[in-house]
Amino acid sequence: MRTEEIEMLIEIRILSRGGQGGVTGAKMLAYAGHLDGKYVQAIPKYGAERKGAPIFADIRIGDEHVKTHAPVIIENTHSWIVLEPSLLGTIPFEKLSSGTTIVINTRQVPEELKNNPKLKIGIVDAVAIARECGLIKSGTEMVSTIMLGAWVKATEGVSLESLKQAIIHQFGEGALTDANFRSVEMAYAQFVSVV
């Protein structure tokens, strides 16, 4: 079977803190996959979250109907989007498959990940981009959309154009959407693959 004929199913986990937009980001990423003609799921982990509490949301994007309706299995994750670098300690790195992509909101790669040849690590300073674009709500930098732009650059899992359409779907037309467009484009341009 030729490579382009292989059916794709990617599983993504977004790690964030309550109030950072991780669940909203999962919904937008799934919608972008849908716009690209894929079958999708967004599986937020709801519970007694509060602002600042660690949370996660899972996404599946595939070429065929997604039949599994449960959180992703750690060993199967294609990629992780880490909105808050302090949450890196919650990732069971020893269980991740070779080639797993981890996109981190940080200025520099954490020491513990610098020499891990089995993972693909990429970074973007989403906090700086959020500040520059005015994406701050109640004193918190809203980095989820920015991190989706970096993830698109790292993986090409959905198209940048579909991500922009998902932003319009989520926020409507206006200044907030314009700021998110600018931030996604900046993240796409500034993303650095380091390992």
N, C-alpha and C. Protein backbone atom coordinates (compact mmCIF):
# COMPACT_ATOMS: atom_id res chain seq x y z
N MET A 1 0.85 -1.18 0.00
CA MET A 1 0.00 0.00 0.00
C MET A 1 0.89 1.24 0.00
N ARG A 2 0.59 2.18 -0.86
CA ARG A 2 1.35 3.42 -0.93
C ARG A 2 1.01 4.31 0.24
N THR A 3 1.95 5.16 0.64
CA THR A 3 1.78 6.02 1.81
C THR A 3 0.50 6.86 1.73
N GLU A 4 0.21 7.45 0.57
CA GLU A 4 -0.95 8.33 0.48
C GLU A 4 -2.27 7.58 0.58
N GLU A 5 -2.24 6.25 0.53
CA GLU A 5 -3.45 5.46 0.65
C GLU A 5 -3.71 4.99 2.08
N ILE A 6 -2.78 5.20 2.96
CA ILE A 6 -2.94 4.78 4.34
C ILE A 6 -3.97 5.67 5.03
N GLU A 7 -4.92 5.04 5.71
CA GLU A 7 -5.94 5.80 6.41
C GLU A 7 -5.35 6.45 7.65
N MET A 8 -5.75 7.67 7.89
CA MET A 8 -5.19 8.43 8.99
C MET A 8 -6.18 8.51 10.15
N LEU A 9 -5.68 8.35 11.34
CA LEU A 9 -6.41 8.69 12.56
C LEU A 9 -5.38 9.27 13.51
N ILE A 10 -5.53 10.55 13.82
CA ILE A 10 -4.62 11.15 14.78
C ILE A 10 -5.39 11.48 16.05
N GLU A 11 -4.72 11.27 17.16
CA GLU A 11 -5.30 11.55 18.47
C GLU A 11 -4.42 12.59 19.16
N ILE A 12 -5.07 13.63 19.64
CA ILE A 12 -4.38 14.79 20.20
C ILE A 12 -4.91 15.03 21.60
N ARG A 13 -4.02 15.42 22.51
CA ARG A 13 -4.44 15.84 23.85
C ARG A 13 -3.97 17.27 24.07
N ILE A 14 -4.90 18.10 24.53
CA ILE A 14 -4.57 19.47 24.92
C ILE A 14 -4.52 19.52 26.44
N LEU A 15 -3.39 19.96 26.97
CA LEU A 15 -3.24 20.17 28.42
C LEU A 15 -3.31 21.66 28.70
N SER A 16 -4.15 22.03 29.65
CA SER A 16 -4.28 23.45 29.98
C SER A 16 -4.73 23.61 31.42
N ARG A 17 -4.94 24.82 31.79
CA ARG A 17 -5.53 25.13 33.09
C ARG A 17 -6.90 25.76 32.81
N GLY A 18 -7.82 25.55 33.72
CA GLY A 18 -9.15 26.13 33.57
C GLY A 18 -9.07 27.62 33.30
N GLY A 19 -9.78 28.08 32.30
CA GLY A 19 -9.78 29.49 31.96
C GLY A 19 -8.84 29.87 30.84
N GLN A 20 -7.99 28.92 30.38
CA GLN A 20 -7.04 29.23 29.31
C GLN A 20 -7.61 28.96 27.92
N GLY A 21 -8.75 28.31 27.84
CA GLY A 21 -9.37 28.05 26.54
C GLY A 21 -9.02 26.71 25.93
N GLY A 22 -8.54 25.77 26.72
CA GLY A 22 -8.18 24.45 26.19
C GLY A 22 -9.36 23.70 25.60
N VAL A 23 -10.50 23.73 26.27
CA VAL A 23 -11.69 23.03 25.77
C VAL A 23 -12.20 23.72 24.50
N THR A 24 -12.22 25.03 24.50
CA THR A 24 -12.62 25.77 23.30
C THR A 24 -11.67 25.46 22.15
N GLY A 25 -10.38 25.38 22.45
CA GLY A 25 -9.39 25.03 21.44
C GLY A 25 -9.64 23.66 20.84
N ALA A 26 -10.01 22.70 21.67
CA ALA A 26 -10.31 21.35 21.18
C ALA A 26 -11.48 21.38 20.21
N LYS A 27 -12.50 22.14 20.56
CA LYS A 27 -13.68 22.24 19.68
C LYS A 27 -13.30 22.89 18.35
N MET A 28 -12.47 23.94 18.39
CA MET A 28 -12.07 24.60 17.15
C MET A 28 -11.22 23.69 16.29
N LEU A 29 -10.31 22.94 16.91
CA LEU A 29 -9.45 22.04 16.15
C LEU A 29 -10.29 20.94 15.49
N ALA A 30 -11.24 20.40 16.22
CA ALA A 30 -12.13 19.39 15.64
C ALA A 30 -12.94 19.98 14.48
N TYR A 31 -13.43 21.19 14.66
CA TYR A 31 -14.21 21.82 13.59
C TYR A 31 -13.34 22.06 12.36
N ALA A 32 -12.09 22.46 12.57
CA ALA A 32 -11.17 22.66 11.44
C ALA A 32 -10.96 21.34 10.70
N GLY A 33 -10.82 20.25 11.44
CA GLY A 33 -10.70 18.94 10.80
C GLY A 33 -11.94 18.60 9.99
N HIS A 34 -13.10 18.91 10.54
CA HIS A 34 -14.37 18.70 9.83
C HIS A 34 -14.39 19.49 8.52
N LEU A 35 -13.95 20.73 8.58
CA LEU A 35 -13.91 21.56 7.37
C LEU A 35 -12.96 20.99 6.33
N ASP A 36 -11.93 20.28 6.78
CA ASP A 36 -10.99 19.63 5.87
C ASP A 36 -11.52 18.31 5.33
N GLY A 37 -12.77 17.97 5.69
CA GLY A 37 -13.37 16.75 5.18
C GLY A 37 -13.06 15.51 5.99
N LYS A 38 -12.60 15.69 7.22
CA LYS A 38 -12.26 14.56 8.08
C LYS A 38 -13.41 14.26 9.04
N TYR A 39 -13.35 13.09 9.63
CA TYR A 39 -14.25 12.73 10.72
C TYR A 39 -13.56 13.14 12.00
N VAL A 40 -14.33 13.70 12.93
CA VAL A 40 -13.69 14.29 14.11
C VAL A 40 -14.46 14.01 15.40
N GLN A 41 -13.76 14.16 16.50
CA GLN A 41 -14.34 14.16 17.84
C GLN A 41 -13.55 15.14 18.69
N ALA A 42 -14.25 15.85 19.54
CA ALA A 42 -13.63 16.64 20.60
C ALA A 42 -14.20 16.11 21.90
N ILE A 43 -13.32 15.68 22.78
CA ILE A 43 -13.76 15.05 24.03
C ILE A 43 -13.19 15.84 25.20
N PRO A 44 -13.92 16.85 25.66
CA PRO A 44 -13.43 17.61 26.82
C PRO A 44 -13.63 16.80 28.09
N LYS A 45 -12.73 17.00 29.02
CA LYS A 45 -12.87 16.36 30.33
C LYS A 45 -13.52 17.38 31.25
N TYR A 46 -14.81 17.21 31.44
CA TYR A 46 -15.53 18.13 32.31
C TYR A 46 -15.60 17.56 33.72
N GLY A 47 -15.72 18.42 34.65
CA GLY A 47 -15.83 18.03 36.05
C GLY A 47 -15.95 19.28 36.88
N ALA A 48 -15.34 19.27 38.00
CA ALA A 48 -15.41 20.41 38.92
C ALA A 48 -14.25 21.37 38.67
N GLU A 49 -13.99 21.67 37.37
CA GLU A 49 -12.88 22.56 37.07
C GLU A 49 -13.13 23.96 37.61
N ARG A 50 -12.07 24.59 37.91
CA ARG A 50 -12.14 25.99 38.31
C ARG A 50 -10.96 26.69 37.65
N LYS A 51 -11.01 27.98 37.60
CA LYS A 51 -9.93 28.72 36.95
C LYS A 51 -8.60 28.33 37.56
N GLY A 52 -7.68 27.93 36.71
CA GLY A 52 -6.34 27.56 37.15
C GLY A 52 -6.13 26.09 37.41
N ALA A 53 -7.20 25.30 37.50
CA ALA A 53 -7.06 23.86 37.75
C ALA A 53 -6.61 23.16 36.46
N PRO A 54 -5.73 22.14 36.57
CA PRO A 54 -5.31 21.40 35.37
C PRO A 54 -6.49 20.65 34.74
N ILE A 55 -6.60 20.76 33.42
CA ILE A 55 -7.64 20.03 32.69
C ILE A 55 -7.06 19.52 31.37
N PHE A 56 -7.78 18.62 30.72
CA PHE A 56 -7.36 18.19 29.39
C PHE A 56 -8.58 18.02 28.51
N ALA A 57 -8.32 18.05 27.21
CA ALA A 57 -9.34 17.80 26.21
C ALA A 57 -8.68 16.99 25.10
N ASP A 58 -9.39 16.00 24.59
CA ASP A 58 -8.86 15.13 23.54
C ASP A 58 -9.58 15.39 22.23
N ILE A 59 -8.86 15.18 21.14
CA ILE A 59 -9.40 15.35 19.81
C ILE A 59 -8.98 14.15 18.97
N ARG A 60 -9.89 13.68 18.14
CA ARG A 60 -9.56 12.67 17.13
C ARG A 60 -9.93 13.25 15.77
N ILE A 61 -9.02 13.06 14.81
CA ILE A 61 -9.25 13.49 13.44
C ILE A 61 -8.87 12.32 12.55
N GLY A 62 -9.83 11.84 11.74
CA GLY A 62 -9.55 10.66 10.94
C GLY A 62 -10.18 10.69 9.56
N ASP A 63 -9.70 9.76 8.74
CA ASP A 63 -10.23 9.62 7.38
C ASP A 63 -11.54 8.84 7.35
N GLU A 64 -11.79 8.06 8.38
CA GLU A 64 -13.02 7.27 8.46
C GLU A 64 -13.75 7.62 9.75
N HIS A 65 -15.01 7.19 9.81
CA HIS A 65 -15.82 7.44 11.00
C HIS A 65 -15.07 7.00 12.26
N VAL A 66 -15.04 7.86 13.26
CA VAL A 66 -14.35 7.57 14.51
C VAL A 66 -15.32 6.80 15.41
N LYS A 67 -14.98 5.55 15.70
CA LYS A 67 -15.90 4.68 16.43
C LYS A 67 -15.64 4.67 17.94
N THR A 68 -14.47 5.07 18.35
CA THR A 68 -14.13 5.09 19.77
C THR A 68 -14.68 6.36 20.40
N HIS A 69 -15.40 6.21 21.51
CA HIS A 69 -15.96 7.36 22.21
C HIS A 69 -15.46 7.36 23.64
N ALA A 70 -14.17 7.60 23.80
CA ALA A 70 -13.53 7.60 25.11
C ALA A 70 -12.30 8.48 25.02
N PRO A 71 -11.75 8.87 26.16
CA PRO A 71 -10.49 9.63 26.11
C PRO A 71 -9.42 8.86 25.33
N VAL A 72 -8.49 9.60 24.75
CA VAL A 72 -7.43 8.95 23.99
C VAL A 72 -6.58 8.09 24.92
N ILE A 73 -6.01 7.05 24.34
CA ILE A 73 -5.08 6.19 25.07
C ILE A 73 -3.70 6.83 24.93
N ILE A 74 -3.04 7.04 26.04
CA ILE A 74 -1.76 7.77 26.06
C ILE A 74 -0.79 7.25 25.01
N GLU A 75 -0.66 5.94 24.91
CA GLU A 75 0.29 5.34 23.97
C GLU A 75 -0.06 5.64 22.52
N ASN A 76 -1.32 5.99 22.24
CA ASN A 76 -1.77 6.25 20.87
C ASN A 76 -1.70 7.71 20.46
N THR A 77 -1.39 8.60 21.39
CA THR A 77 -1.44 10.02 21.05
C THR A 77 -0.43 10.35 19.97
N HIS A 78 -0.90 11.05 18.98
CA HIS A 78 -0.08 11.56 17.88
C HIS A 78 0.66 12.81 18.36
N SER A 79 -0.06 13.63 19.14
CA SER A 79 0.54 14.88 19.57
C SER A 79 -0.13 15.43 20.81
N TRP A 80 0.62 16.27 21.49
CA TRP A 80 0.16 16.96 22.70
C TRP A 80 0.34 18.46 22.47
N ILE A 81 -0.64 19.23 22.91
CA ILE A 81 -0.56 20.68 22.86
C ILE A 81 -0.58 21.14 24.31
N VAL A 82 0.52 21.73 24.75
CA VAL A 82 0.68 22.09 26.16
C VAL A 82 0.59 23.60 26.30
N LEU A 83 -0.57 24.06 26.81
CA LEU A 83 -0.81 25.49 26.95
C LEU A 83 -0.07 26.08 28.14
N GLU A 84 0.22 25.28 29.13
CA GLU A 84 0.86 25.73 30.37
C GLU A 84 2.06 24.81 30.64
N PRO A 85 3.30 25.33 30.50
CA PRO A 85 4.48 24.46 30.64
C PRO A 85 4.60 23.78 32.00
N SER A 86 3.99 24.31 33.03
CA SER A 86 4.07 23.65 34.34
C SER A 86 3.33 22.31 34.34
N LEU A 87 2.52 22.05 33.31
CA LEU A 87 1.79 20.79 33.21
C LEU A 87 2.59 19.68 32.52
N LEU A 88 3.79 19.98 32.07
CA LEU A 88 4.61 18.95 31.43
C LEU A 88 4.82 17.75 32.34
N GLY A 89 4.88 17.99 33.64
CA GLY A 89 5.09 16.90 34.60
C GLY A 89 3.95 15.91 34.66
N THR A 90 2.80 16.24 34.05
CA THR A 90 1.67 15.31 34.05
C THR A 90 1.69 14.36 32.85
N ILE A 91 2.63 14.58 31.92
CA ILE A 91 2.73 13.72 30.74
C ILE A 91 3.59 12.51 31.07
N PRO A 92 3.09 11.30 30.88
CA PRO A 92 3.90 10.09 31.12
C PRO A 92 4.80 9.82 29.90
N PHE A 93 5.92 10.53 29.82
CA PHE A 93 6.79 10.47 28.66
C PHE A 93 7.22 9.04 28.33
N GLU A 94 7.41 8.22 29.35
CA GLU A 94 7.86 6.85 29.11
C GLU A 94 6.83 6.01 28.36
N LYS A 95 5.58 6.42 28.36
CA LYS A 95 4.51 5.68 27.67
C LYS A 95 4.28 6.16 26.24
N LEU A 96 4.85 7.30 25.87
CA LEU A 96 4.58 7.86 24.55
C LEU A 96 5.30 7.08 23.46
N SER A 97 4.65 6.97 22.33
CA SER A 97 5.23 6.28 21.19
C SER A 97 6.31 7.14 20.55
N SER A 98 7.24 6.48 19.90
CA SER A 98 8.28 7.19 19.17
C SER A 98 7.64 8.05 18.10
N GLY A 99 8.10 9.29 17.97
CA GLY A 99 7.56 10.21 16.98
C GLY A 99 6.43 11.09 17.46
N THR A 100 6.01 10.92 18.72
CA THR A 100 4.95 11.77 19.26
C THR A 100 5.42 13.22 19.25
N THR A 101 4.55 14.11 18.80
CA THR A 101 4.85 15.54 18.75
C THR A 101 4.31 16.22 20.00
N ILE A 102 5.14 17.06 20.60
CA ILE A 102 4.71 17.86 21.76
C ILE A 102 4.98 19.32 21.44
N VAL A 103 3.91 20.11 21.39
CA VAL A 103 4.00 21.54 21.11
C VAL A 103 3.77 22.28 22.43
N ILE A 104 4.78 23.05 22.85
CA ILE A 104 4.78 23.65 24.19
C ILE A 104 4.78 25.17 24.10
N ASN A 105 3.96 25.79 24.94
CA ASN A 105 3.95 27.24 25.11
C ASN A 105 5.10 27.60 26.05
N THR A 106 6.23 27.94 25.47
CA THR A 106 7.40 28.31 26.27
C THR A 106 8.40 29.04 25.38
N ARG A 107 9.33 29.74 26.02
CA ARG A 107 10.40 30.41 25.27
C ARG A 107 11.57 29.48 25.01
N GLN A 108 11.73 28.48 25.87
CA GLN A 108 12.85 27.56 25.68
C GLN A 108 12.46 26.15 26.11
N VAL A 109 13.09 25.18 25.49
CA VAL A 109 12.78 23.78 25.77
C VAL A 109 13.22 23.43 27.18
N PRO A 110 12.35 22.81 27.96
CA PRO A 110 12.75 22.35 29.29
C PRO A 110 13.91 21.35 29.19
N GLU A 111 14.82 21.42 30.13
CA GLU A 111 16.02 20.57 30.13
C GLU A 111 15.69 19.09 29.97
N GLU A 112 14.64 18.63 30.65
CA GLU A 112 14.33 17.20 30.63
C GLU A 112 13.90 16.69 29.26
N LEU A 113 13.60 17.60 28.34
CA LEU A 113 13.16 17.19 27.00
C LEU A 113 14.20 17.43 25.91
N LYS A 114 15.30 18.08 26.25
CA LYS A 114 16.28 18.45 25.24
C LYS A 114 16.92 17.26 24.54
N ASN A 115 17.13 16.19 25.24
CA ASN A 115 17.83 15.04 24.64
C ASN A 115 16.94 13.81 24.59
N ASN A 116 15.71 13.99 24.17
CA ASN A 116 14.79 12.87 24.05
C ASN A 116 14.57 12.59 22.57
N PRO A 117 15.37 11.68 21.98
CA PRO A 117 15.30 11.46 20.54
C PRO A 117 14.00 10.82 20.06
N LYS A 118 13.22 10.26 20.97
CA LYS A 118 11.99 9.58 20.53
C LYS A 118 10.84 10.55 20.30
N LEU A 119 10.94 11.77 20.83
CA LEU A 119 9.84 12.75 20.72
C LEU A 119 10.21 13.87 19.75
N LYS A 120 9.18 14.46 19.15
CA LYS A 120 9.34 15.66 18.33
C LYS A 120 8.85 16.82 19.17
N ILE A 121 9.75 17.68 19.58
CA ILE A 121 9.42 18.80 20.46
C ILE A 121 9.45 20.10 19.67
N GLY A 122 8.43 20.93 19.89
CA GLY A 122 8.39 22.24 19.28
C GLY A 122 7.89 23.26 20.27
N ILE A 123 8.32 24.50 20.09
CA ILE A 123 7.95 25.55 21.04
C ILE A 123 7.49 26.81 20.32
N VAL A 124 6.70 27.59 21.04
CA VAL A 124 6.31 28.93 20.61
C VAL A 124 6.00 29.71 21.88
N ASP A 125 6.36 30.98 21.90
CA ASP A 125 6.07 31.82 23.06
C ASP A 125 4.67 32.41 22.90
N ALA A 126 3.67 31.61 23.23
CA ALA A 126 2.27 32.00 23.05
C ALA A 126 1.88 33.14 23.98
N VAL A 127 2.49 33.22 25.14
CA VAL A 127 2.17 34.31 26.07
C VAL A 127 2.55 35.66 25.46
N ALA A 128 3.75 35.73 24.88
CA ALA A 128 4.18 36.98 24.25
C ALA A 128 3.27 37.35 23.07
N ILE A 129 2.87 36.34 22.29
CA ILE A 129 1.99 36.60 21.16
C ILE A 129 0.62 37.08 21.65
N ALA A 130 0.10 36.44 22.70
CA ALA A 130 -1.20 36.86 23.26
C ALA A 130 -1.15 38.31 23.72
N ARG A 131 -0.06 38.67 24.38
CA ARG A 131 0.07 40.05 24.85
C ARG A 131 0.14 41.02 23.68
N GLU A 132 0.91 40.66 22.67
CA GLU A 132 1.05 41.55 21.51
C GLU A 132 -0.27 41.72 20.77
N CYS A 133 -1.07 40.67 20.74
CA CYS A 133 -2.34 40.71 20.01
C CYS A 133 -3.52 41.13 20.88
N GLY A 134 -3.27 41.38 22.17
CA GLY A 134 -4.34 41.81 23.07
C GLY A 134 -5.31 40.71 23.46
N LEU A 135 -4.85 39.47 23.45
CA LEU A 135 -5.70 38.33 23.81
C LEU A 135 -5.55 38.02 25.29
N ILE A 136 -6.08 38.92 26.10
CA ILE A 136 -6.02 38.78 27.55
C ILE A 136 -7.43 38.94 28.09
N LYS A 137 -7.84 38.00 28.93
CA LYS A 137 -9.18 38.04 29.52
C LYS A 137 -9.04 37.84 31.02
N SER A 138 -9.54 38.78 31.79
CA SER A 138 -9.48 38.72 33.26
C SER A 138 -8.05 38.49 33.74
N GLY A 139 -7.09 39.11 33.07
CA GLY A 139 -5.69 39.00 33.47
C GLY A 139 -4.98 37.74 33.00
N THR A 140 -5.67 36.88 32.25
CA THR A 140 -5.07 35.64 31.76
C THR A 140 -4.84 35.73 30.26
N GLU A 141 -3.64 35.40 29.81
CA GLU A 141 -3.34 35.35 28.38
C GLU A 141 -4.09 34.17 27.79
N MET A 142 -4.86 34.42 26.76
CA MET A 142 -5.63 33.37 26.08
C MET A 142 -4.77 32.79 24.96
N VAL A 143 -4.17 31.65 25.23
CA VAL A 143 -3.16 31.10 24.33
C VAL A 143 -3.65 29.91 23.50
N SER A 144 -4.88 29.47 23.70
CA SER A 144 -5.30 28.23 23.03
C SER A 144 -5.27 28.35 21.51
N THR A 145 -5.83 29.40 20.96
CA THR A 145 -5.85 29.55 19.51
C THR A 145 -4.44 29.69 18.97
N ILE A 146 -3.61 30.40 19.68
CA ILE A 146 -2.21 30.57 19.30
C ILE A 146 -1.53 29.22 19.20
N MET A 147 -1.76 28.38 20.20
CA MET A 147 -1.12 27.05 20.21
C MET A 147 -1.64 26.17 19.09
N LEU A 148 -2.89 26.38 18.68
CA LEU A 148 -3.41 25.62 17.54
C LEU A 148 -2.66 26.01 16.27
N GLY A 149 -2.34 27.29 16.12
CA GLY A 149 -1.54 27.72 14.97
C GLY A 149 -0.17 27.06 14.95
N ALA A 150 0.45 26.95 16.12
CA ALA A 150 1.75 26.28 16.21
C ALA A 150 1.60 24.79 15.90
N TRP A 151 0.53 24.17 16.39
CA TRP A 151 0.30 22.75 16.13
C TRP A 151 0.10 22.49 14.64
N VAL A 152 -0.62 23.37 13.96
CA VAL A 152 -0.82 23.23 12.52
C VAL A 152 0.54 23.27 11.81
N LYS A 153 1.41 24.18 12.21
CA LYS A 153 2.75 24.27 11.60
C LYS A 153 3.53 22.99 11.87
N ALA A 154 3.44 22.47 13.09
CA ALA A 154 4.23 21.29 13.48
C ALA A 154 3.77 20.01 12.80
N THR A 155 2.46 19.89 12.57
CA THR A 155 1.92 18.60 12.14
C THR A 155 1.23 18.59 10.79
N GLU A 156 0.75 19.75 10.35
CA GLU A 156 -0.10 19.83 9.16
C GLU A 156 -1.32 18.92 9.29
N GLY A 157 -1.79 18.73 10.54
CA GLY A 157 -2.94 17.87 10.81
C GLY A 157 -4.26 18.42 10.30
N VAL A 158 -4.35 19.73 10.19
CA VAL A 158 -5.47 20.42 9.53
C VAL A 158 -4.85 21.58 8.77
N SER A 159 -5.63 22.18 7.89
CA SER A 159 -5.10 23.32 7.14
C SER A 159 -5.23 24.61 7.96
N LEU A 160 -4.33 25.53 7.71
CA LEU A 160 -4.39 26.82 8.38
C LEU A 160 -5.68 27.55 8.01
N GLU A 161 -6.10 27.43 6.77
CA GLU A 161 -7.33 28.09 6.33
C GLU A 161 -8.54 27.54 7.09
N SER A 162 -8.59 26.22 7.29
CA SER A 162 -9.72 25.64 8.02
C SER A 162 -9.69 26.07 9.48
N LEU A 163 -8.50 26.21 10.06
CA LEU A 163 -8.40 26.70 11.43
C LEU A 163 -8.96 28.12 11.50
N LYS A 164 -8.65 28.95 10.53
CA LYS A 164 -9.18 30.31 10.53
C LYS A 164 -10.71 30.30 10.41
N GLN A 165 -11.24 29.41 9.60
CA GLN A 165 -12.70 29.31 9.47
C GLN A 165 -13.32 28.84 10.79
N ALA A 166 -12.62 27.96 11.50
CA ALA A 166 -13.11 27.50 12.81
C ALA A 166 -13.12 28.64 13.82
N ILE A 167 -12.16 29.54 13.71
CA ILE A 167 -12.11 30.71 14.59
C ILE A 167 -13.33 31.60 14.32
N ILE A 168 -13.65 31.81 13.05
CA ILE A 168 -14.85 32.59 12.72
C ILE A 168 -16.09 31.90 13.27
N HIS A 169 -16.16 30.59 13.10
CA HIS A 169 -17.31 29.82 13.60
C HIS A 169 -17.46 29.99 15.12
N GLN A 170 -16.33 30.02 15.83
CA GLN A 170 -16.36 30.12 17.30
C GLN A 170 -16.66 31.54 17.78
N PHE A 171 -16.03 32.53 17.16
CA PHE A 171 -16.09 33.89 17.70
C PHE A 171 -16.88 34.88 16.85
N GLY A 172 -17.29 34.49 15.63
CA GLY A 172 -17.98 35.43 14.75
C GLY A 172 -16.99 36.41 14.14
N GLU A 173 -17.52 37.37 13.43
CA GLU A 173 -16.69 38.40 12.79
C GLU A 173 -16.42 39.51 13.81
N GLY A 174 -15.28 40.14 13.71
CA GLY A 174 -15.00 41.28 14.57
C GLY A 174 -13.57 41.33 15.05
N ALA A 175 -13.33 42.22 16.01
CA ALA A 175 -11.98 42.48 16.50
C ALA A 175 -11.35 41.25 17.17
N LEU A 176 -12.14 40.47 17.91
CA LEU A 176 -11.59 39.28 18.57
C LEU A 176 -11.12 38.27 17.53
N THR A 177 -11.89 38.07 16.50
CA THR A 177 -11.49 37.16 15.43
C THR A 177 -10.25 37.68 14.72
N ASP A 178 -10.21 38.97 14.45
CA ASP A 178 -9.04 39.56 13.81
C ASP A 178 -7.79 39.35 14.65
N ALA A 179 -7.89 39.54 15.97
CA ALA A 179 -6.75 39.34 16.87
C ALA A 179 -6.33 37.87 16.87
N ASN A 180 -7.31 36.97 16.84
CA ASN A 180 -6.98 35.54 16.80
C ASN A 180 -6.33 35.16 15.48
N PHE A 181 -6.80 35.70 14.37
CA PHE A 181 -6.15 35.45 13.08
C PHE A 181 -4.69 35.87 13.12
N ARG A 182 -4.47 37.07 13.62
CA ARG A 182 -3.09 37.59 13.68
C ARG A 182 -2.24 36.70 14.58
N SER A 183 -2.79 36.27 15.71
CA SER A 183 -2.01 35.45 16.65
C SER A 183 -1.69 34.07 16.07
N VAL A 184 -2.64 33.50 15.33
CA VAL A 184 -2.41 32.19 14.70
C VAL A 184 -1.32 32.30 13.64
N GLU A 185 -1.38 33.36 12.85
CA GLU A 185 -0.35 33.56 11.83
C GLU A 185 1.03 33.78 12.46
N MET A 186 1.07 34.52 13.57
CA MET A 186 2.34 34.72 14.27
C MET A 186 2.88 33.41 14.83
N ALA A 187 2.01 32.61 15.43
CA ALA A 187 2.44 31.32 15.99
C ALA A 187 2.94 30.41 14.89
N TYR A 188 2.24 30.40 13.77
CA TYR A 188 2.64 29.58 12.62
C TYR A 188 4.04 29.98 12.15
N ALA A 189 4.30 31.29 12.12
CA ALA A 189 5.60 31.79 11.66
C ALA A 189 6.70 31.62 12.70
N GLN A 190 6.35 31.73 13.99
CA GLN A 190 7.37 31.71 15.05
C GLN A 190 7.62 30.33 15.64
N PHE A 191 6.81 29.34 15.30
CA PHE A 191 6.99 27.99 15.83
C PHE A 191 8.38 27.48 15.49
N VAL A 192 9.04 26.87 16.49
CA VAL A 192 10.38 26.32 16.30
C VAL A 192 10.36 24.84 16.68
N SER A 193 10.75 24.01 15.74
CA SER A 193 10.92 22.58 16.01
C SER A 193 12.34 22.39 16.53
N VAL A 194 12.46 21.86 17.75
CA VAL A 194 13.78 21.84 18.38
C VAL A 194 14.38 20.45 18.56
N VAL A 195 13.57 19.42 18.56
CA VAL A 195 14.11 18.07 18.71
C VAL A 195 13.48 17.18 17.67
